[in-house]
Amino acid sequence: MALLGREAPGLSANTISRLKEVWKDEHQRWSRRDLSNRRYVYLWVDGIHFGVRLEDAAQCILVVIGATADGKKELLALADGYRESEQSWREVLLDLKARGLTLDPHLAIGDGALGFWKALPQVYGTTRGRRCWVHKTANVLNKLPKSQQPKAKAALHEIWMAATRQEALLPFYDFPAEHWIHLRTTNPIESTFATVRLRTAKSGCVSRESIQAMVLMLVKRPSGIGRNRIESPI
């Protein structure tokens, strides 16, 4: 078991099944927790696909990570999504708002999935959006002949790594310079879930409910997202 390490071989199948039920209960409680005393200024969003057998290949897990005003990154949402659709993302954002996250975050960072960008202004009307530059660069390069890709990649890199807004004209330059490294990409999600993907690949989970519960437990471990902070207050 990915969560139990060396102790897992000594556990019976029944014990592991009971543990999974405990994790599912914890995931349900976590998904209903009150957020009215929380304030998040940045959001990172993505749809994560896992290499395990789920009931529907079109289903993915929608992930939202937020940064508090003191720079702490926290997992906010972990929910079912169908092809990262507008409706799926809207339901996730409306749920966050219904549980108390009523103040609009300053900035949301995500990939090019149109579902999120259509849903965002319906729920958080003043939150500004920013495409992940790693994803955007890849999207641009895919449209070009291979012979032109190295030069185009270098030019794009100069834009999103520019020292000032005047050189790049990108929204994240309106925020403190020490935050730019966090706001250019969806790396807070990518780096966290790269490890989670490896661990769940051998988990044997076959249901969306089981995989969500396991993912939550993995992310909440001491080596998970809790240690990943922005270096200065926002």
Protein backbone atom coordinates (compact mmCIF):
# COMPACT_ATOMS: atom_id res chain seq x y z
CA MET A 1 0.00 0.00 0.00
CA ALA A 2 1.27 3.44 -0.99
CA LEU A 3 0.29 4.98 2.34
CA LEU A 4 1.54 2.31 4.70
CA GLY A 5 5.00 1.55 3.35
CA ARG A 6 6.83 -1.42 4.87
CA GLU A 7 4.00 -2.22 7.25
CA ALA A 8 1.57 -3.01 4.44
CA PRO A 9 2.72 -6.61 3.67
CA GLY A 10 1.77 -7.63 7.21
CA LEU A 11 -1.81 -6.40 6.90
CA SER A 12 -4.68 -8.61 5.81
CA ALA A 13 -6.95 -7.78 2.90
CA ASN A 14 -9.80 -7.15 5.37
CA THR A 15 -7.69 -4.71 7.37
CA ILE A 16 -6.74 -2.80 4.23
CA SER A 17 -10.39 -2.68 3.14
CA ARG A 18 -11.36 -1.23 6.53
CA LEU A 19 -8.62 1.37 6.23
CA LYS A 20 -9.92 2.39 2.82
CA GLU A 21 -13.37 2.91 4.31
CA VAL A 22 -11.85 5.12 7.02
CA TRP A 23 -10.07 7.15 4.34
CA LYS A 24 -13.31 7.51 2.39
CA ASP A 25 -15.08 8.83 5.48
CA GLU A 26 -12.27 11.30 6.08
CA HIS A 27 -12.43 12.45 2.47
CA GLN A 28 -16.18 13.07 2.79
CA ARG A 29 -15.70 15.10 5.98
CA TRP A 30 -12.86 17.05 4.39
CA SER A 31 -15.00 17.77 1.32
CA ARG A 32 -17.69 19.31 3.53
CA ARG A 33 -15.42 21.34 5.80
CA ASP A 34 -16.25 24.98 6.55
CA LEU A 35 -14.12 27.53 4.68
CA SER A 36 -15.73 30.71 6.00
CA ASN A 37 -12.67 31.62 8.08
CA ARG A 38 -10.25 31.10 5.18
CA ARG A 39 -8.95 33.57 2.59
CA TYR A 40 -7.06 32.51 -0.52
CA VAL A 41 -5.43 35.02 -2.82
CA TYR A 42 -4.09 32.67 -5.51
CA LEU A 43 -5.59 29.51 -7.00
CA TRP A 44 -3.96 26.79 -9.11
CA VAL A 45 -6.32 24.44 -10.94
CA ASP A 46 -5.94 21.33 -13.06
CA GLY A 47 -7.68 18.12 -14.07
CA ILE A 48 -5.63 15.07 -13.07
CA HIS A 49 -5.88 11.71 -14.82
CA PHE A 50 -4.56 8.67 -13.00
CA GLY A 51 -3.20 5.45 -14.47
CA VAL A 52 -5.70 3.24 -12.65
CA ARG A 53 -8.86 1.57 -13.84
CA LEU A 54 -11.81 3.85 -13.21
CA GLU A 55 -15.42 3.30 -14.27
CA ASP A 56 -15.28 5.95 -16.97
CA ALA A 57 -12.15 6.86 -18.92
CA ALA A 58 -13.51 10.37 -19.51
CA GLN A 59 -13.60 11.00 -15.77
CA CYS A 60 -10.76 12.88 -14.10
CA ILE A 61 -10.14 14.44 -10.70
CA LEU A 62 -10.43 18.22 -10.55
CA VAL A 63 -7.86 19.77 -8.21
CA VAL A 64 -7.76 23.24 -6.69
CA ILE A 65 -4.83 24.45 -4.59
CA GLY A 66 -4.95 27.84 -2.90
CA ALA A 67 -2.39 30.17 -1.32
CA THR A 68 -3.30 32.08 1.81
CA ALA A 69 -2.24 35.66 2.44
CA ASP A 70 0.70 34.45 4.54
CA GLY A 71 1.99 32.32 1.67
CA LYS A 72 0.85 28.84 2.74
CA LYS A 73 -0.36 26.54 -0.04
CA GLU A 74 -3.30 24.28 0.78
CA LEU A 75 -5.39 21.72 -1.07
CA LEU A 76 -8.90 23.18 -1.44
CA ALA A 77 -10.80 20.78 -3.67
CA LEU A 78 -10.54 17.25 -4.97
CA ALA A 79 -13.62 16.32 -6.98
CA ASP A 80 -14.95 14.30 -9.89
CA GLY A 81 -14.90 16.01 -13.25
CA TYR A 82 -16.13 14.95 -16.67
CA ARG A 83 -13.63 15.97 -19.35
CA GLU A 84 -12.86 19.13 -17.32
CA SER A 85 -16.17 20.56 -18.53
CA GLU A 86 -17.55 23.99 -17.71
CA GLN A 87 -20.33 22.40 -15.64
CA SER A 88 -17.89 20.25 -13.64
CA TRP A 89 -15.63 23.20 -12.81
CA ARG A 90 -18.60 25.44 -12.03
CA GLU A 91 -19.88 22.87 -9.52
CA VAL A 92 -16.47 22.73 -7.82
CA LEU A 93 -16.22 26.52 -7.55
CA LEU A 94 -19.83 26.92 -6.40
CA ASP A 95 -19.22 24.32 -3.70
CA LEU A 96 -16.20 26.24 -2.43
CA LYS A 97 -18.26 29.42 -2.35
CA ALA A 98 -21.19 27.73 -0.60
CA ARG A 99 -18.85 26.50 2.13
CA GLY A 100 -17.63 30.01 2.87
CA LEU A 101 -14.98 30.93 0.29
CA THR A 102 -16.89 34.06 -0.72
CA LEU A 103 -14.05 36.55 -1.34
CA ASP A 104 -12.72 36.44 -4.89
CA PRO A 105 -9.09 35.28 -5.14
CA HIS A 106 -6.78 37.73 -6.92
CA LEU A 107 -5.49 35.33 -9.57
CA ALA A 108 -6.16 31.81 -10.89
CA ILE A 109 -3.55 29.82 -12.82
CA GLY A 110 -4.47 26.86 -15.00
CA ASP A 111 -3.91 25.18 -18.34
CA GLY A 112 -5.91 25.78 -21.51
CA ALA A 113 -8.97 23.73 -20.53
CA LEU A 114 -11.81 25.99 -21.60
CA GLY A 115 -14.22 24.58 -19.04
CA PHE A 116 -12.51 26.27 -16.10
CA TRP A 117 -12.09 29.63 -17.81
CA LYS A 118 -15.79 29.69 -18.72
CA ALA A 119 -16.83 28.73 -15.20
CA LEU A 120 -14.52 31.08 -13.27
CA PRO A 121 -16.27 34.43 -14.02
CA GLN A 122 -19.65 32.90 -13.20
CA VAL A 123 -18.55 32.28 -9.62
CA TYR A 124 -15.60 34.60 -8.89
CA GLY A 125 -16.22 37.56 -11.17
CA THR A 126 -13.20 39.67 -10.28
CA THR A 127 -10.60 36.89 -10.21
CA ARG A 128 -8.07 37.32 -12.98
CA GLY A 129 -6.96 34.33 -15.02
CA ARG A 130 -3.50 33.31 -16.16
CA ARG A 131 -2.59 30.41 -18.42
CA CYS A 132 0.22 28.14 -17.27
CA TRP A 133 3.17 29.07 -19.47
CA VAL A 134 4.56 25.56 -19.65
CA HIS A 135 1.26 24.32 -21.09
CA LYS A 136 0.86 27.36 -23.30
CA THR A 137 4.37 27.00 -24.71
CA ALA A 138 3.68 23.35 -25.52
CA ASN A 139 0.40 24.27 -27.23
CA VAL A 140 2.12 26.89 -29.40
CA LEU A 141 5.00 24.60 -30.36
CA ASN A 142 2.60 21.85 -31.40
CA LYS A 143 1.24 24.19 -34.09
CA LEU A 144 4.67 24.86 -35.59
CA PRO A 145 6.96 22.79 -37.82
CA LYS A 146 9.69 21.03 -35.84
CA SER A 147 12.35 23.14 -37.57
CA GLN A 148 10.87 26.31 -36.04
CA GLN A 149 10.19 24.98 -32.57
CA PRO A 150 13.60 25.62 -30.90
CA LYS A 151 13.64 29.29 -31.91
CA ALA A 152 9.97 29.77 -30.94
CA LYS A 153 10.51 28.06 -27.59
CA ALA A 154 13.43 30.36 -26.77
CA ALA A 155 11.37 33.43 -27.71
CA LEU A 156 8.42 32.34 -25.58
CA HIS A 157 10.74 31.62 -22.67
CA GLU A 158 12.10 35.16 -22.89
CA ILE A 159 8.54 36.50 -22.62
CA TRP A 160 7.39 34.64 -19.51
CA MET A 161 10.76 34.92 -17.80
CA ALA A 162 11.12 38.66 -18.53
CA ALA A 163 12.24 40.91 -15.69
CA THR A 164 9.43 43.48 -15.99
CA ARG A 165 5.81 43.77 -17.09
CA GLN A 166 6.82 46.22 -19.82
CA GLU A 167 8.82 43.45 -21.46
CA ALA A 168 6.13 40.79 -21.18
CA LEU A 169 2.65 42.35 -20.64
CA LEU A 170 1.50 39.49 -18.42
CA PRO A 171 -0.91 39.81 -15.43
CA PHE A 172 1.27 38.09 -12.83
CA TYR A 173 3.72 41.01 -13.04
CA ASP A 174 1.15 43.03 -11.06
CA PHE A 175 2.00 40.90 -8.03
CA PRO A 176 5.19 40.84 -5.91
CA ALA A 177 8.27 39.76 -7.89
CA GLU A 178 9.12 37.01 -5.41
CA HIS A 179 5.78 35.35 -6.28
CA TRP A 180 6.32 35.20 -10.04
CA ILE A 181 8.06 31.82 -9.94
CA HIS A 182 4.87 30.39 -8.39
CA LEU A 183 2.45 32.20 -10.70
CA ARG A 184 3.98 31.39 -14.07
CA THR A 185 2.89 27.74 -14.11
CA THR A 186 0.70 25.11 -12.46
CA ASN A 187 3.81 23.52 -10.93
CA PRO A 188 2.31 23.56 -7.39
CA ILE A 189 -0.12 20.92 -8.68
CA GLU A 190 2.21 19.15 -11.09
CA SER A 191 5.00 18.66 -8.56
CA THR A 192 2.62 17.45 -5.85
CA PHE A 193 0.72 15.00 -8.02
CA ALA A 194 3.71 13.56 -9.84
CA THR A 195 4.53 11.64 -6.66
CA VAL A 196 0.88 10.83 -6.01
CA ARG A 197 0.53 9.31 -9.50
CA LEU A 198 3.48 7.01 -8.86
CA ARG A 199 2.06 5.80 -5.57
CA THR A 200 -1.50 5.26 -6.81
CA ALA A 201 -0.34 3.37 -9.92
CA LYS A 202 0.16 0.26 -7.74
CA SER A 203 -2.74 0.87 -5.39
CA GLY A 204 -5.30 -1.41 -7.00
CA CYS A 205 -8.04 1.23 -6.59
CA VAL A 206 -10.82 0.70 -9.09
CA SER A 207 -13.37 3.33 -8.09
CA ARG A 208 -13.31 7.10 -8.23
CA GLU A 209 -14.28 7.26 -4.56
CA SER A 210 -11.35 5.07 -3.55
CA ILE A 211 -8.79 6.93 -5.62
CA GLN A 212 -9.94 10.33 -4.33
CA ALA A 213 -9.68 9.13 -0.72
CA MET A 214 -6.19 7.76 -1.30
CA VAL A 215 -5.05 10.89 -3.11
CA LEU A 216 -6.24 13.06 -0.22
CA MET A 217 -4.35 10.95 2.32
CA LEU A 218 -1.17 11.07 0.23
CA VAL A 219 -1.33 14.84 -0.23
CA LYS A 220 -1.94 15.38 3.49
CA ARG A 221 1.23 13.51 4.46
CA PRO A 222 4.14 15.60 5.87
CA SER A 223 5.92 15.36 2.52
CA GLY A 224 2.87 16.68 0.68
CA ILE A 225 1.69 20.15 -0.21
CA GLY A 226 1.67 21.55 3.33
CA ARG A 227 5.42 22.23 3.25
CA ASN A 228 5.22 24.12 -0.07
CA ARG A 229 5.06 27.85 0.71
CA ILE A 230 5.43 31.13 -1.06
CA GLU A 231 8.47 32.81 0.43
CA SER A 232 6.79 36.07 1.50
CA PRO A 233 3.36 37.35 2.56
CA ILE A 234 0.94 38.43 -0.16
